[in-house]
Each structure stands twice: as C-alpha cells, then as structure tokens.
Amino acid sequence: MIKQVMCVVKLIKESSNEPFLGTAGLNIVIDNPESVVEVLSLIVDDDHIHLLTKQSNLHHSQNTEKREVLPKTLKWSIITPEEMGKLLGLIIFMGQVRKESIRNYWSTDPTISTPIFPHTVSRNHFESIWQAWHFRDISQQTQDSGWLFKIGPMCEYFVQKFRSVYSPKQELSLDEATIP
C-alpha cells in the first residue's frame, strides 16, 4: 500500500511542474441541466447498467450453492437492466435520505416511512439483487490480479466517463467536505 501511495505522490510532483495547456469545463451540452435524470445519464449510461446486470446475474449463478437461501428470497429471478437501474436510483436516493438500517427504507411506520422505496421494488427483491451485485467475474481472478480486481472495471469506466464529460482546471482538490 505504501508503494502505491509513493507512486501517486511522485506522479503529482512530476506533473505539477508542467504548464497547463488544456481547456477546462464541460465537454458536452446539457439540454436540461435541472433534470437529474439527464445529468446522471451522462455518467451512468445503458452500457454501464447492462454490465452491472450481466456481472450480477453471473455472480448469482456462480454462487447459488454457497449462499444461504432464505425462505423470503428463495424465489430468484434474473435481474433485468430496468431493475438494475431502479437499484442504482434507490442507492443514490439512500445517500440523500438517511436511515438507521437498510430495512428502514421499507418501513410502514408513518413516522419514518419513505413510500418511494416499497413502490419501486420490494425489500426482499432489493436485498436479493444487493447480495448478487457485482462488477466483475471473480472466477477470472488470479493471485497476480491486484487489489482492485473486483472494482477495476468500474474505476476504468468512471475515469473514462468523467474524462469525456468534464475537463478539470489545472488544480483540482477533493476532500471529505466535497464528496457528500
């Protein structure tokens, strides 16, 4: 881990001496910037959702016998891209509406209920998709795969997407206050 950090520090020091020659800003035109769906679809497109759907279905089929089957989640059905899109939407919404546990999002208690969750997908189906959610075929993993093997495709995908959508200024800083 220390070796990777030192490599990043070295790259930062080397690149900080170069003059900035790029053009900063958005690389695309957004028709309706108030539309959350339109802005999000620039980053999370159909190819991304299909990849997540394919890998999650594959992971479930490879690990069916290893997983404890609960009576409520016994009925498995192949995940569709539409369901994966709903899962991603609910996960993003969970970042905005904080609850003590995932099960509370489906609560029928009027003091904490959030009706969009049970109207979108049942809690049992959400949990079964959540268990199967995967980004890469782990049967391809070797000892030399590296510590980012499982999330590598997502990292590569997002780096490529962010580069195609936005060109940052010379100095870009992210910290714990920016991320939420």
C-alpha atoms as a PDB file:
ATOM      1  CA  MET A   1       0.000   0.000   0.000  1.00  0.00           C
ATOM      2  CA  ILE A   2       2.806   2.415   0.872  1.00  0.00           C
ATOM      3  CA  LYS A   3       4.390   1.697  -2.511  1.00  0.00           C
ATOM      4  CA  GLN A   4       1.195   2.752  -4.338  1.00  0.00           C
ATOM      5  CA  VAL A   5       0.912   5.957  -2.279  1.00  0.00           C
ATOM      6  CA  MET A   6       4.527   6.852  -3.004  1.00  0.00           C
ATOM      7  CA  CYS A   7       3.924   6.334  -6.746  1.00  0.00           C
ATOM      8  CA  VAL A   8       0.940   8.707  -6.642  1.00  0.00           C
ATOM      9  CA  VAL A   9       2.945  11.328  -4.719  1.00  0.00           C
ATOM     10  CA  LYS A  10       5.756  11.050  -7.281  1.00  0.00           C
ATOM     11  CA  LEU A  11       3.301  11.481 -10.179  1.00  0.00           C
ATOM     12  CA  ILE A  12       1.790  14.554  -8.532  1.00  0.00           C
ATOM     13  CA  LYS A  13       5.193  16.139  -8.007  1.00  0.00           C
ATOM     14  CA  GLU A  14       6.249  15.427 -11.601  1.00  0.00           C
ATOM     15  CA  SER A  15       3.027  16.716 -13.129  1.00  0.00           C
ATOM     16  CA  SER A  16       2.906  19.897 -11.020  1.00  0.00           C
ATOM     17  CA  ASN A  17       5.905  21.324 -12.925  1.00  0.00           C
ATOM     18  CA  GLU A  18       4.191  21.113 -16.313  1.00  0.00           C
ATOM     19  CA  PRO A  19       2.287  24.101 -17.716  1.00  0.00           C
ATOM     20  CA  PHE A  20      -1.479  23.674 -18.035  1.00  0.00           C
ATOM     21  CA  LEU A  21      -2.382  23.604 -21.733  1.00  0.00           C
ATOM     22  CA  GLY A  22      -5.920  22.232 -21.592  1.00  0.00           C
ATOM     23  CA  THR A  23      -9.353  23.758 -21.820  1.00  0.00           C
ATOM     24  CA  ALA A  24     -11.346  23.434 -18.610  1.00  0.00           C
ATOM     25  CA  GLY A  25     -15.089  22.874 -18.345  1.00  0.00           C
ATOM     26  CA  LEU A  26     -17.869  20.675 -19.687  1.00  0.00           C
ATOM     27  CA  ASN A  27     -17.135  18.755 -22.878  1.00  0.00           C
ATOM     28  CA  ILE A  28     -20.821  18.206 -23.657  1.00  0.00           C
ATOM     29  CA  VAL A  29     -24.013  20.241 -23.881  1.00  0.00           C
ATOM     30  CA  ILE A  30     -26.781  19.513 -21.384  1.00  0.00           C
ATOM     31  CA  ASP A  31     -30.236  20.340 -22.762  1.00  0.00           C
ATOM     32  CA  ASN A  32     -31.980  20.470 -19.397  1.00  0.00           C
ATOM     33  CA  PRO A  33     -29.458  20.878 -16.544  1.00  0.00           C
ATOM     34  CA  GLU A  34     -32.268  20.885 -13.957  1.00  0.00           C
ATOM     35  CA  SER A  35     -33.153  17.299 -14.884  1.00  0.00           C
ATOM     36  CA  VAL A  36     -31.320  14.972 -12.500  1.00  0.00           C
ATOM     37  CA  VAL A  37     -32.050  12.018 -14.782  1.00  0.00           C
ATOM     38  CA  GLU A  38     -30.447  13.708 -17.792  1.00  0.00           C
ATOM     39  CA  VAL A  39     -27.330  14.729 -15.877  1.00  0.00           C
ATOM     40  CA  LEU A  40     -26.978  11.294 -14.260  1.00  0.00           C
ATOM     41  CA  SER A  41     -27.471   9.523 -17.598  1.00  0.00           C
ATOM     42  CA  LEU A  42     -24.343  11.284 -18.874  1.00  0.00           C
ATOM     43  CA  ILE A  43     -22.314   9.299 -16.336  1.00  0.00           C
ATOM     44  CA  VAL A  44     -24.372   6.135 -15.783  1.00  0.00           C
ATOM     45  CA  ASP A  45     -25.484   5.073 -19.238  1.00  0.00           C
ATOM     46  CA  ASP A  46     -27.140   1.927 -20.591  1.00  0.00           C
ATOM     47  CA  ASP A  47     -23.780   0.208 -21.215  1.00  0.00           C
ATOM     48  CA  HIS A  48     -22.901   0.623 -17.547  1.00  0.00           C
ATOM     49  CA  ILE A  49     -26.255  -0.736 -16.381  1.00  0.00           C
ATOM     50  CA  HIS A  50     -26.017  -3.710 -18.768  1.00  0.00           C
ATOM     51  CA  LEU A  51     -22.503  -4.508 -17.470  1.00  0.00           C
ATOM     52  CA  LEU A  52     -23.712  -4.421 -13.855  1.00  0.00           C
ATOM     53  CA  THR A  53     -26.729  -6.566 -14.738  1.00  0.00           C
ATOM     54  CA  LYS A  54     -24.636  -9.152 -16.584  1.00  0.00           C
ATOM     55  CA  GLN A  55     -21.987  -9.413 -13.847  1.00  0.00           C
ATOM     56  CA  SER A  56     -24.552  -9.576 -11.033  1.00  0.00           C
ATOM     57  CA  ASN A  57     -26.525 -12.355 -12.747  1.00  0.00           C
ATOM     58  CA  LEU A  58     -23.258 -14.214 -13.396  1.00  0.00           C
ATOM     59  CA  HIS A  59     -22.176 -13.820  -9.767  1.00  0.00           C
ATOM     60  CA  HIS A  60     -25.511 -15.148  -8.526  1.00  0.00           C
ATOM     61  CA  SER A  61     -25.372 -18.187 -10.808  1.00  0.00           C
ATOM     62  CA  GLN A  62     -21.780 -18.958  -9.758  1.00  0.00           C
ATOM     63  CA  ASN A  63     -22.542 -18.707  -6.049  1.00  0.00           C
ATOM     64  CA  THR A  64     -26.034 -20.151  -5.708  1.00  0.00           C
ATOM     65  CA  GLU A  65     -24.889 -23.223  -3.798  1.00  0.00           C
ATOM     66  CA  LYS A  66     -22.598 -21.216  -1.476  1.00  0.00           C
ATOM     67  CA  ARG A  67     -25.260 -18.748  -0.370  1.00  0.00           C
ATOM     68  CA  GLU A  68     -27.686 -19.431   2.442  1.00  0.00           C
ATOM     69  CA  VAL A  69     -31.135 -19.416   0.881  1.00  0.00           C
ATOM     70  CA  LEU A  70     -33.721 -17.664   2.999  1.00  0.00           C
ATOM     71  CA  PRO A  71     -37.404 -18.559   2.511  1.00  0.00           C
ATOM     72  CA  LYS A  72     -38.325 -14.989   1.522  1.00  0.00           C
ATOM     73  CA  THR A  73     -35.532 -14.715  -1.061  1.00  0.00           C
ATOM     74  CA  LEU A  74     -35.888 -18.280  -2.305  1.00  0.00           C
ATOM     75  CA  LYS A  75     -37.620 -17.101  -5.462  1.00  0.00           C
ATOM     76  CA  TRP A  76     -34.766 -15.720  -7.595  1.00  0.00           C
ATOM     77  CA  SER A  77     -35.377 -14.212 -10.983  1.00  0.00           C
ATOM     78  CA  ILE A  78     -32.783 -12.970 -13.436  1.00  0.00           C
ATOM     79  CA  ILE A  79     -32.051  -9.289 -12.889  1.00  0.00           C
ATOM     80  CA  THR A  80     -33.126  -7.065 -15.775  1.00  0.00           C
ATOM     81  CA  PRO A  81     -31.446  -3.784 -16.749  1.00  0.00           C
ATOM     82  CA  GLU A  82     -34.603  -1.952 -15.626  1.00  0.00           C
ATOM     83  CA  GLU A  83     -34.324  -3.482 -12.153  1.00  0.00           C
ATOM     84  CA  MET A  84     -30.623  -2.624 -12.002  1.00  0.00           C
ATOM     85  CA  GLY A  85     -31.475   0.978 -12.898  1.00  0.00           C
ATOM     86  CA  LYS A  86     -34.029   1.050 -10.084  1.00  0.00           C
ATOM     87  CA  LEU A  87     -31.447  -0.386  -7.668  1.00  0.00           C
ATOM     88  CA  LEU A  88     -28.940   2.321  -8.616  1.00  0.00           C
ATOM     89  CA  GLY A  89     -31.591   5.015  -8.277  1.00  0.00           C
ATOM     90  CA  LEU A  90     -32.560   3.797  -4.822  1.00  0.00           C
ATOM     91  CA  ILE A  91     -28.916   3.611  -3.739  1.00  0.00           C
ATOM     92  CA  ILE A  92     -28.380   7.207  -4.858  1.00  0.00           C
ATOM     93  CA  PHE A  93     -31.559   8.240  -3.049  1.00  0.00           C
ATOM     94  CA  MET A  94     -30.321   6.455   0.103  1.00  0.00           C
ATOM     95  CA  GLY A  95     -27.441   8.910   0.115  1.00  0.00           C
ATOM     96  CA  GLN A  96     -29.954  11.751   0.411  1.00  0.00           C
ATOM     97  CA  VAL A  97     -32.432  10.165   2.832  1.00  0.00           C
ATOM     98  CA  ARG A  98     -30.507   8.706   5.767  1.00  0.00           C
ATOM     99  CA  LYS A  99     -31.972   5.842   7.830  1.00  0.00           C
ATOM    100  CA  GLU A 100     -30.527   3.701  10.614  1.00  0.00           C
ATOM    101  CA  SER A 101     -30.638   0.497   8.560  1.00  0.00           C
ATOM    102  CA  ILE A 102     -31.442  -0.550   5.015  1.00  0.00           C
ATOM    103  CA  ARG A 103     -34.635  -2.274   6.183  1.00  0.00           C
ATOM    104  CA  ASN A 104     -35.978   1.059   7.493  1.00  0.00           C
ATOM    105  CA  TYR A 105     -36.339   2.342   3.935  1.00  0.00           C
ATOM    106  CA  TRP A 106     -39.226  -0.122   3.505  1.00  0.00           C
ATOM    107  CA  SER A 107     -40.761   0.611   6.920  1.00  0.00           C
ATOM    108  CA  THR A 108     -44.525   1.091   7.085  1.00  0.00           C
ATOM    109  CA  ASP A 109     -44.197   3.142  10.282  1.00  0.00           C
ATOM    110  CA  PRO A 110     -45.724   6.527   9.349  1.00  0.00           C
ATOM    111  CA  THR A 111     -43.056   8.443  11.277  1.00  0.00           C
ATOM    112  CA  ILE A 112     -40.165   7.088   9.176  1.00  0.00           C
ATOM    113  CA  SER A 113     -41.764   5.713   6.002  1.00  0.00           C
ATOM    114  CA  THR A 114     -40.449   6.672   2.576  1.00  0.00           C
ATOM    115  CA  PRO A 115     -43.089   5.388   0.127  1.00  0.00           C
ATOM    116  CA  ILE A 116     -40.900   5.529  -2.991  1.00  0.00           C
ATOM    117  CA  PHE A 117     -38.892   2.505  -1.821  1.00  0.00           C
ATOM    118  CA  PRO A 118     -41.716  -0.061  -1.498  1.00  0.00           C
ATOM    119  CA  HIS A 119     -43.392   1.383  -4.598  1.00  0.00           C
ATOM    120  CA  THR A 120     -40.210   0.883  -6.634  1.00  0.00           C
ATOM    121  CA  VAL A 121     -39.170  -2.612  -5.550  1.00  0.00           C
ATOM    122  CA  SER A 122     -39.932  -4.960  -2.660  1.00  0.00           C
ATOM    123  CA  ARG A 123     -37.415  -5.114   0.171  1.00  0.00           C
ATOM    124  CA  ASN A 124     -36.776  -8.834  -0.384  1.00  0.00           C
ATOM    125  CA  HIS A 125     -36.101  -8.325  -4.073  1.00  0.00           C
ATOM    126  CA  PHE A 126     -33.812  -5.363  -3.329  1.00  0.00           C
ATOM    127  CA  GLU A 127     -31.859  -7.470  -0.835  1.00  0.00           C
ATOM    128  CA  SER A 128     -31.511 -10.376  -3.260  1.00  0.00           C
ATOM    129  CA  ILE A 129     -30.192  -8.066  -6.002  1.00  0.00           C
ATOM    130  CA  TRP A 130     -27.937  -6.342  -3.449  1.00  0.00           C
ATOM    131  CA  GLN A 131     -26.439  -9.739  -2.499  1.00  0.00           C
ATOM    132  CA  ALA A 132     -25.706 -10.532  -6.127  1.00  0.00           C
ATOM    133  CA  TRP A 133     -24.446  -7.054  -7.078  1.00  0.00           C
ATOM    134  CA  HIS A 134     -21.026  -7.472  -8.655  1.00  0.00           C
ATOM    135  CA  PHE A 135     -18.754  -5.657 -11.094  1.00  0.00           C
ATOM    136  CA  ARG A 136     -16.500  -8.418 -12.442  1.00  0.00           C
ATOM    137  CA  ASP A 137     -16.359 -12.186 -12.911  1.00  0.00           C
ATOM    138  CA  ILE A 138     -14.385 -13.302  -9.859  1.00  0.00           C
ATOM    139  CA  SER A 139     -13.647 -16.696 -11.420  1.00  0.00           C
ATOM    140  CA  GLN A 140     -11.092 -14.851 -13.585  1.00  0.00           C
ATOM    141  CA  GLN A 141      -9.169 -13.587 -10.544  1.00  0.00           C
ATOM    142  CA  THR A 142      -5.604 -14.829 -10.095  1.00  0.00           C
ATOM    143  CA  GLN A 143      -3.023 -14.199  -7.393  1.00  0.00           C
ATOM    144  CA  ASP A 144      -1.466 -11.532  -9.623  1.00  0.00           C
ATOM    145  CA  SER A 145      -4.765  -9.716 -10.292  1.00  0.00           C
ATOM    146  CA  GLY A 146      -4.120  -6.892  -7.873  1.00  0.00           C
ATOM    147  CA  TRP A 147      -6.108  -5.440  -5.049  1.00  0.00           C
ATOM    148  CA  LEU A 148      -8.514  -3.521  -7.314  1.00  0.00           C
ATOM    149  CA  PHE A 149      -9.511  -6.565  -9.376  1.00  0.00           C
ATOM    150  CA  LYS A 150     -13.148  -6.680  -8.270  1.00  0.00           C
ATOM    151  CA  ILE A 151     -13.842  -2.982  -8.828  1.00  0.00           C
ATOM    152  CA  GLY A 152     -11.364  -2.395 -11.669  1.00  0.00           C
ATOM    153  CA  PRO A 153     -13.986  -2.246 -14.444  1.00  0.00           C
ATOM    154  CA  MET A 154     -15.964   0.377 -12.520  1.00  0.00           C
ATOM    155  CA  CYS A 155     -12.878   2.502 -11.870  1.00  0.00           C
ATOM    156  CA  GLU A 156     -11.890   2.353 -15.544  1.00  0.00           C
ATOM    157  CA  TYR A 157     -15.456   3.067 -16.654  1.00  0.00           C
ATOM    158  CA  PHE A 158     -15.854   6.131 -14.424  1.00  0.00           C
ATOM    159  CA  VAL A 159     -12.432   7.560 -15.273  1.00  0.00           C
ATOM    160  CA  GLN A 160     -13.261   7.303 -18.988  1.00  0.00           C
ATOM    161  CA  LYS A 161     -16.754   8.758 -18.476  1.00  0.00           C
ATOM    162  CA  PHE A 162     -15.576  11.669 -16.341  1.00  0.00           C
ATOM    163  CA  ARG A 163     -12.862  12.479 -18.887  1.00  0.00           C
ATOM    164  CA  SER A 164     -15.399  12.517 -21.708  1.00  0.00           C
ATOM    165  CA  VAL A 165     -17.857  14.736 -19.820  1.00  0.00           C
ATOM    166  CA  TYR A 166     -15.630  17.228 -17.981  1.00  0.00           C
ATOM    167  CA  SER A 167     -12.105  18.612 -18.275  1.00  0.00           C
ATOM    168  CA  PRO A 168     -10.917  19.901 -14.885  1.00  0.00           C
ATOM    169  CA  LYS A 169      -8.858  23.029 -14.328  1.00  0.00           C
ATOM    170  CA  GLN A 170      -5.160  22.825 -13.617  1.00  0.00           C
ATOM    171  CA  GLU A 171      -5.663  22.324  -9.893  1.00  0.00           C
ATOM    172  CA  LEU A 172      -8.418  20.064  -8.644  1.00  0.00           C
ATOM    173  CA  SER A 173      -8.951  19.276  -4.990  1.00  0.00           C
ATOM    174  CA  LEU A 174     -11.447  16.885  -3.408  1.00  0.00           C
ATOM    175  CA  ASP A 175     -11.813  16.417   0.311  1.00  0.00           C
ATOM    176  CA  GLU A 176     -14.293  14.941   2.763  1.00  0.00           C
ATOM    177  CA  ALA A 177     -16.475  18.044   2.609  1.00  0.00           C
ATOM    178  CA  THR A 178     -16.792  17.867  -1.192  1.00  0.00           C
ATOM    179  CA  ILE A 179     -17.647  14.176  -1.561  1.00  0.00           C
ATOM    180  CA  PRO A 180     -21.167  14.096   0.040  1.00  0.00           C
END
